[in-house]
N, C-alpha and C. Protein backbone atom coordinates (compact mmCIF):
# COMPACT_ATOMS: atom_id res chain seq x y z
N MET A 1 -11.41 11.85 -21.94
CA MET A 1 -10.79 10.51 -21.76
C MET A 1 -9.28 10.54 -22.10
N ILE A 2 -8.51 9.93 -21.25
CA ILE A 2 -7.07 9.87 -21.48
C ILE A 2 -6.73 8.85 -22.60
N GLN A 3 -5.78 9.26 -23.43
CA GLN A 3 -5.44 8.54 -24.61
C GLN A 3 -3.94 8.12 -24.22
N TRP A 4 -3.77 7.01 -23.41
CA TRP A 4 -2.46 6.56 -23.03
C TRP A 4 -1.54 6.14 -24.14
N ASN A 5 -0.34 6.46 -24.18
CA ASN A 5 0.74 5.89 -24.89
C ASN A 5 1.44 4.75 -24.12
N ASN A 6 1.48 3.52 -24.50
CA ASN A 6 2.02 2.45 -23.75
C ASN A 6 3.51 2.57 -23.91
N LEU A 7 4.13 2.50 -22.70
CA LEU A 7 5.60 2.64 -22.55
C LEU A 7 6.14 1.29 -22.16
N ALA A 8 6.73 0.60 -23.00
CA ALA A 8 7.18 -0.79 -22.88
C ALA A 8 8.66 -1.16 -23.18
N ASP A 9 9.41 -0.22 -23.80
CA ASP A 9 10.77 -0.55 -24.13
C ASP A 9 11.55 0.80 -24.16
N ILE A 10 12.86 0.60 -24.15
CA ILE A 10 13.92 1.59 -23.99
C ILE A 10 13.82 2.61 -25.08
N ASN A 11 13.55 2.09 -26.37
CA ASN A 11 13.42 3.02 -27.53
C ASN A 11 12.35 3.97 -27.33
N GLN A 12 11.15 3.49 -26.77
CA GLN A 12 10.03 4.40 -26.54
C GLN A 12 10.46 5.41 -25.50
N LEU A 13 11.24 4.97 -24.45
CA LEU A 13 11.58 5.97 -23.44
C LEU A 13 12.63 7.05 -24.08
N GLU A 14 13.44 6.66 -24.99
CA GLU A 14 14.25 7.67 -25.58
C GLU A 14 13.47 8.63 -26.46
N THR A 15 12.44 8.10 -27.14
CA THR A 15 11.63 8.92 -28.03
C THR A 15 10.81 9.96 -27.03
N LEU A 16 10.31 9.31 -25.92
CA LEU A 16 9.58 10.22 -24.96
C LEU A 16 10.52 11.36 -24.50
N ILE A 17 11.70 11.03 -24.12
CA ILE A 17 12.74 12.11 -23.72
C ILE A 17 12.88 13.19 -24.74
N ALA A 18 13.09 12.65 -25.94
CA ALA A 18 13.28 13.60 -27.22
C ALA A 18 12.05 14.44 -27.38
N ASN A 19 10.93 13.91 -27.21
CA ASN A 19 9.65 14.72 -27.43
C ASN A 19 9.38 15.67 -26.26
N SER A 20 10.06 15.44 -25.17
CA SER A 20 9.86 16.27 -23.96
C SER A 20 10.33 17.70 -24.16
N PHE A 21 11.25 17.86 -25.13
CA PHE A 21 11.66 19.18 -25.53
C PHE A 21 10.60 20.01 -26.34
N LYS A 22 9.59 19.31 -26.77
CA LYS A 22 8.59 20.05 -27.54
C LYS A 22 7.23 20.07 -26.76
N VAL A 23 6.84 18.95 -26.02
CA VAL A 23 5.77 18.85 -25.23
C VAL A 23 6.00 18.06 -24.00
N PRO A 24 5.64 18.63 -22.76
CA PRO A 24 5.93 17.83 -21.56
C PRO A 24 5.27 16.45 -21.64
N GLN A 25 5.95 15.45 -21.06
CA GLN A 25 5.58 14.05 -21.10
C GLN A 25 5.31 13.58 -19.69
N VAL A 26 4.21 12.85 -19.56
CA VAL A 26 3.94 12.29 -18.23
C VAL A 26 4.04 10.80 -18.27
N ILE A 27 4.62 10.24 -17.28
CA ILE A 27 4.78 8.68 -17.10
C ILE A 27 3.98 8.38 -15.82
N PHE A 28 3.04 7.38 -16.02
CA PHE A 28 2.26 6.89 -14.85
C PHE A 28 2.71 5.53 -14.74
N LYS A 29 3.40 5.32 -13.64
CA LYS A 29 3.86 3.80 -13.41
C LYS A 29 2.86 3.19 -12.44
N HIS A 30 2.36 1.99 -13.01
CA HIS A 30 1.19 1.37 -12.35
C HIS A 30 1.56 -0.18 -12.07
N SER A 31 1.23 -0.54 -10.84
CA SER A 31 1.34 -1.97 -10.50
C SER A 31 -0.05 -2.63 -10.61
N THR A 32 -0.11 -3.51 -11.65
CA THR A 32 -1.38 -4.25 -11.81
C THR A 32 -1.79 -5.17 -10.67
N ARG A 33 -0.91 -5.40 -9.80
CA ARG A 33 -1.08 -6.25 -8.59
C ARG A 33 -1.39 -5.44 -7.30
N CYS A 34 -1.60 -4.12 -7.37
CA CYS A 34 -1.73 -3.32 -6.18
C CYS A 34 -3.09 -2.61 -6.29
N SER A 35 -3.91 -2.82 -5.37
CA SER A 35 -5.25 -2.19 -5.30
C SER A 35 -5.23 -0.62 -5.18
N ILE A 36 -4.18 -0.15 -4.32
CA ILE A 36 -4.02 1.24 -4.16
C ILE A 36 -3.65 1.86 -5.60
N SER A 37 -2.77 1.21 -6.36
CA SER A 37 -2.42 1.68 -7.68
C SER A 37 -3.60 1.73 -8.61
N SER A 38 -4.40 0.71 -8.45
CA SER A 38 -5.60 0.71 -9.38
C SER A 38 -6.57 1.83 -8.99
N MET A 39 -6.67 2.13 -7.69
CA MET A 39 -7.64 3.16 -7.19
C MET A 39 -7.13 4.58 -7.73
N VAL A 40 -5.75 4.74 -7.55
CA VAL A 40 -5.21 6.08 -7.93
C VAL A 40 -5.26 6.28 -9.47
N LEU A 41 -5.14 5.24 -10.22
CA LEU A 41 -5.22 5.21 -11.63
C LEU A 41 -6.60 5.56 -12.11
N GLY A 42 -7.53 4.94 -11.54
CA GLY A 42 -9.00 5.24 -11.83
C GLY A 42 -9.36 6.68 -11.50
N ARG A 43 -8.87 7.23 -10.41
CA ARG A 43 -9.16 8.56 -10.02
C ARG A 43 -8.50 9.49 -11.01
N PHE A 44 -7.26 9.22 -11.31
CA PHE A 44 -6.49 10.05 -12.31
C PHE A 44 -7.19 10.17 -13.68
N GLU A 45 -7.60 8.99 -14.18
CA GLU A 45 -8.32 8.88 -15.41
C GLU A 45 -9.66 9.60 -15.31
N ARG A 46 -10.42 9.51 -14.35
CA ARG A 46 -11.69 10.21 -14.15
C ARG A 46 -11.51 11.75 -14.32
N PHE A 47 -10.50 12.23 -13.64
CA PHE A 47 -10.38 13.75 -13.64
C PHE A 47 -9.52 14.29 -14.79
N TRP A 48 -9.00 13.49 -15.56
CA TRP A 48 -8.13 13.92 -16.71
C TRP A 48 -8.95 14.76 -17.57
N ASN A 49 -8.39 15.99 -17.74
CA ASN A 49 -8.98 17.07 -18.51
C ASN A 49 -8.07 17.87 -19.35
N LEU A 50 -6.82 17.32 -19.54
CA LEU A 50 -5.78 18.05 -20.18
C LEU A 50 -5.68 17.76 -21.64
N GLU A 51 -5.42 18.72 -22.50
CA GLU A 51 -5.25 18.61 -24.03
C GLU A 51 -3.98 17.94 -24.36
N SER A 52 -3.94 17.14 -25.43
CA SER A 52 -2.77 16.39 -25.86
C SER A 52 -1.68 17.55 -26.27
N SER A 53 -2.01 18.72 -26.56
CA SER A 53 -1.07 19.68 -26.97
C SER A 53 -0.40 20.19 -25.67
N LEU A 54 -0.90 19.95 -24.51
CA LEU A 54 -0.14 20.44 -23.26
C LEU A 54 0.72 19.42 -22.68
N VAL A 55 0.29 18.14 -22.86
CA VAL A 55 1.05 17.06 -22.16
C VAL A 55 0.76 15.71 -22.86
N ALA A 56 1.68 14.82 -22.98
CA ALA A 56 1.49 13.51 -23.53
C ALA A 56 1.62 12.45 -22.49
N PRO A 57 0.59 11.80 -22.22
CA PRO A 57 0.51 10.70 -21.09
C PRO A 57 1.07 9.33 -21.56
N HIS A 58 1.87 8.74 -20.74
CA HIS A 58 2.43 7.47 -21.14
C HIS A 58 2.13 6.51 -19.81
N PHE A 59 1.81 5.36 -20.12
CA PHE A 59 1.43 4.31 -19.13
C PHE A 59 2.52 3.27 -19.11
N LEU A 60 3.05 3.04 -17.96
CA LEU A 60 4.09 1.98 -17.77
C LEU A 60 3.60 0.93 -16.75
N ASP A 61 3.39 -0.26 -17.29
CA ASP A 61 2.89 -1.31 -16.42
C ASP A 61 4.19 -1.92 -15.88
N LEU A 62 4.56 -1.56 -14.52
CA LEU A 62 5.78 -1.93 -13.91
C LEU A 62 5.97 -3.41 -13.67
N ILE A 63 4.85 -4.21 -13.60
CA ILE A 63 5.00 -5.58 -13.41
C ILE A 63 5.55 -6.28 -14.70
N ALA A 64 4.98 -5.92 -15.79
CA ALA A 64 5.31 -6.46 -17.09
C ALA A 64 6.62 -5.85 -17.63
N ASN A 65 6.97 -4.67 -17.10
CA ASN A 65 8.13 -4.00 -17.50
C ASN A 65 9.11 -3.51 -16.48
N ARG A 66 9.44 -4.43 -15.50
CA ARG A 66 10.22 -4.09 -14.39
C ARG A 66 11.56 -3.47 -14.69
N SER A 67 12.22 -4.01 -15.63
CA SER A 67 13.51 -3.50 -16.07
C SER A 67 13.43 -1.96 -16.61
N LEU A 68 12.38 -1.69 -17.36
CA LEU A 68 12.24 -0.44 -17.86
C LEU A 68 11.82 0.55 -16.74
N SER A 69 11.04 0.09 -15.82
CA SER A 69 10.74 0.93 -14.67
C SER A 69 11.92 1.29 -13.81
N ASN A 70 12.79 0.38 -13.69
CA ASN A 70 14.10 0.63 -12.99
C ASN A 70 14.93 1.60 -13.83
N THR A 71 15.03 1.50 -15.08
CA THR A 71 15.67 2.44 -15.95
C THR A 71 15.13 3.86 -15.86
N VAL A 72 13.77 3.93 -15.75
CA VAL A 72 13.13 5.21 -15.61
C VAL A 72 13.57 5.83 -14.30
N GLY A 73 13.60 5.17 -13.22
CA GLY A 73 14.04 5.71 -11.92
C GLY A 73 15.53 6.18 -11.96
N THR A 74 16.37 5.40 -12.52
CA THR A 74 17.75 5.71 -12.60
C THR A 74 18.05 6.88 -13.50
N LYS A 75 17.43 6.87 -14.71
CA LYS A 75 17.60 7.94 -15.68
C LYS A 75 17.13 9.30 -15.13
N PHE A 76 16.05 9.37 -14.39
CA PHE A 76 15.51 10.59 -13.81
C PHE A 76 15.82 10.86 -12.39
N ASP A 77 16.62 9.91 -11.79
CA ASP A 77 17.01 10.16 -10.34
C ASP A 77 15.80 10.29 -9.47
N VAL A 78 14.89 9.33 -9.67
CA VAL A 78 13.63 9.30 -8.85
C VAL A 78 13.53 7.93 -8.31
N MET A 79 13.38 7.88 -6.85
CA MET A 79 13.26 6.52 -6.25
C MET A 79 11.92 5.96 -6.62
N HIS A 80 11.97 4.61 -6.91
CA HIS A 80 10.88 3.87 -7.33
C HIS A 80 9.72 3.83 -6.27
N GLU A 81 8.54 4.21 -6.75
CA GLU A 81 7.35 3.99 -5.91
C GLU A 81 6.17 3.49 -6.78
N SER A 82 5.14 2.98 -6.30
CA SER A 82 4.07 2.65 -7.02
C SER A 82 2.70 2.84 -6.32
N PRO A 83 1.75 3.52 -6.98
CA PRO A 83 1.92 4.15 -8.31
C PRO A 83 2.75 5.33 -8.13
N GLN A 84 3.23 5.78 -9.36
CA GLN A 84 4.07 6.93 -9.40
C GLN A 84 3.79 7.74 -10.64
N LEU A 85 3.87 9.01 -10.45
CA LEU A 85 3.67 9.95 -11.64
C LEU A 85 5.04 10.76 -11.78
N LEU A 86 5.45 10.83 -13.08
CA LEU A 86 6.66 11.62 -13.42
C LEU A 86 6.26 12.62 -14.54
N LEU A 87 6.65 13.89 -14.44
CA LEU A 87 6.49 14.83 -15.40
C LEU A 87 7.85 15.16 -16.00
N ILE A 88 8.11 14.82 -17.25
CA ILE A 88 9.30 15.03 -17.94
C ILE A 88 9.29 16.24 -18.94
N GLN A 89 10.23 17.13 -18.68
CA GLN A 89 10.18 18.32 -19.63
C GLN A 89 11.73 18.64 -19.94
N ASP A 90 11.94 18.96 -21.13
CA ASP A 90 13.35 19.21 -21.51
C ASP A 90 14.34 18.13 -21.11
N GLY A 91 13.94 16.97 -21.18
CA GLY A 91 14.83 15.75 -20.91
C GLY A 91 14.92 15.46 -19.40
N VAL A 92 14.38 16.13 -18.46
CA VAL A 92 14.54 15.91 -17.05
C VAL A 92 13.19 15.93 -16.42
N CYS A 93 13.16 15.18 -15.27
CA CYS A 93 11.99 15.14 -14.41
C CYS A 93 11.85 16.33 -13.54
N ILE A 94 10.78 17.15 -13.87
CA ILE A 94 10.57 18.38 -13.05
C ILE A 94 9.56 18.30 -11.98
N TYR A 95 8.94 17.10 -11.91
CA TYR A 95 7.89 16.95 -10.86
C TYR A 95 7.69 15.47 -10.83
N HIS A 96 7.50 14.89 -9.58
CA HIS A 96 7.01 13.58 -9.47
C HIS A 96 6.23 13.39 -8.15
N SER A 97 5.30 12.50 -8.12
CA SER A 97 4.52 12.16 -6.92
C SER A 97 4.15 10.73 -6.83
N SER A 98 3.58 10.42 -5.78
CA SER A 98 3.27 8.93 -5.72
C SER A 98 2.10 8.74 -4.82
N HIS A 99 1.47 7.52 -4.87
CA HIS A 99 0.32 7.15 -4.05
C HIS A 99 -0.80 8.16 -4.19
N ASN A 100 -1.40 8.66 -3.02
CA ASN A 100 -2.47 9.51 -3.05
C ASN A 100 -2.18 11.04 -3.36
N SER A 101 -0.85 11.22 -3.51
CA SER A 101 -0.50 12.60 -3.91
C SER A 101 -0.59 12.88 -5.46
N ILE A 102 -0.86 11.75 -6.19
CA ILE A 102 -1.04 11.85 -7.57
C ILE A 102 -2.38 12.42 -7.91
N SER A 103 -2.41 13.51 -8.69
CA SER A 103 -3.67 14.13 -9.09
C SER A 103 -3.54 14.93 -10.31
N VAL A 104 -4.52 15.02 -11.22
CA VAL A 104 -4.53 15.93 -12.41
C VAL A 104 -4.38 17.33 -11.97
N GLU A 105 -4.88 17.65 -10.87
CA GLU A 105 -4.86 19.14 -10.34
C GLU A 105 -3.38 19.49 -10.07
N SER A 106 -2.60 18.71 -9.31
CA SER A 106 -1.22 19.06 -9.01
C SER A 106 -0.35 18.93 -10.29
N LEU A 107 -0.62 18.03 -11.13
CA LEU A 107 0.05 17.98 -12.37
C LEU A 107 -0.05 19.22 -13.27
N ASN A 108 -1.35 19.61 -13.27
CA ASN A 108 -1.69 20.86 -13.96
C ASN A 108 -1.01 22.07 -13.40
N LEU A 109 -0.92 22.16 -12.13
CA LEU A 109 -0.11 23.23 -11.48
C LEU A 109 1.40 23.30 -11.94
N HIS A 110 1.87 22.14 -12.05
CA HIS A 110 3.32 22.06 -12.38
C HIS A 110 3.50 22.36 -13.97
N LEU A 111 2.55 22.12 -14.71
CA LEU A 111 2.56 22.31 -16.22
C LEU A 111 2.50 23.75 -16.47
N THR A 112 1.78 24.46 -15.63
CA THR A 112 1.67 25.95 -15.81
C THR A 112 2.75 26.74 -15.23
N ARG A 113 3.68 26.19 -14.60
CA ARG A 113 4.82 26.96 -13.94
C ARG A 113 6.08 26.98 -14.89
N LYS A 114 5.87 26.81 -16.13
CA LYS A 114 7.06 26.81 -17.00
C LYS A 114 7.70 28.26 -17.12
């Protein structure tokens, strides 16, 4: 089962970035108003099998936190999409995907390419 860290303010984002130098961080940007986003989130959670020592998962409700979602896009130079997954390592986004391209399997492939 995934143990999400809620991402709701800029201070948490700065902490996430600092922590990415120790353990890769994942941001899942989710729209609570979108059925596709809900479907992708459910599938991602069902197949989650990664240890917290390998990656730290963060959940960003982009409807409730639109400004932070925009900041994430700007900071990591990634165009906004929903749903969207970003993998942050050493302070930069090393991988991102959206919609049906989001999967634990593809995330895991990028985690092992360090």
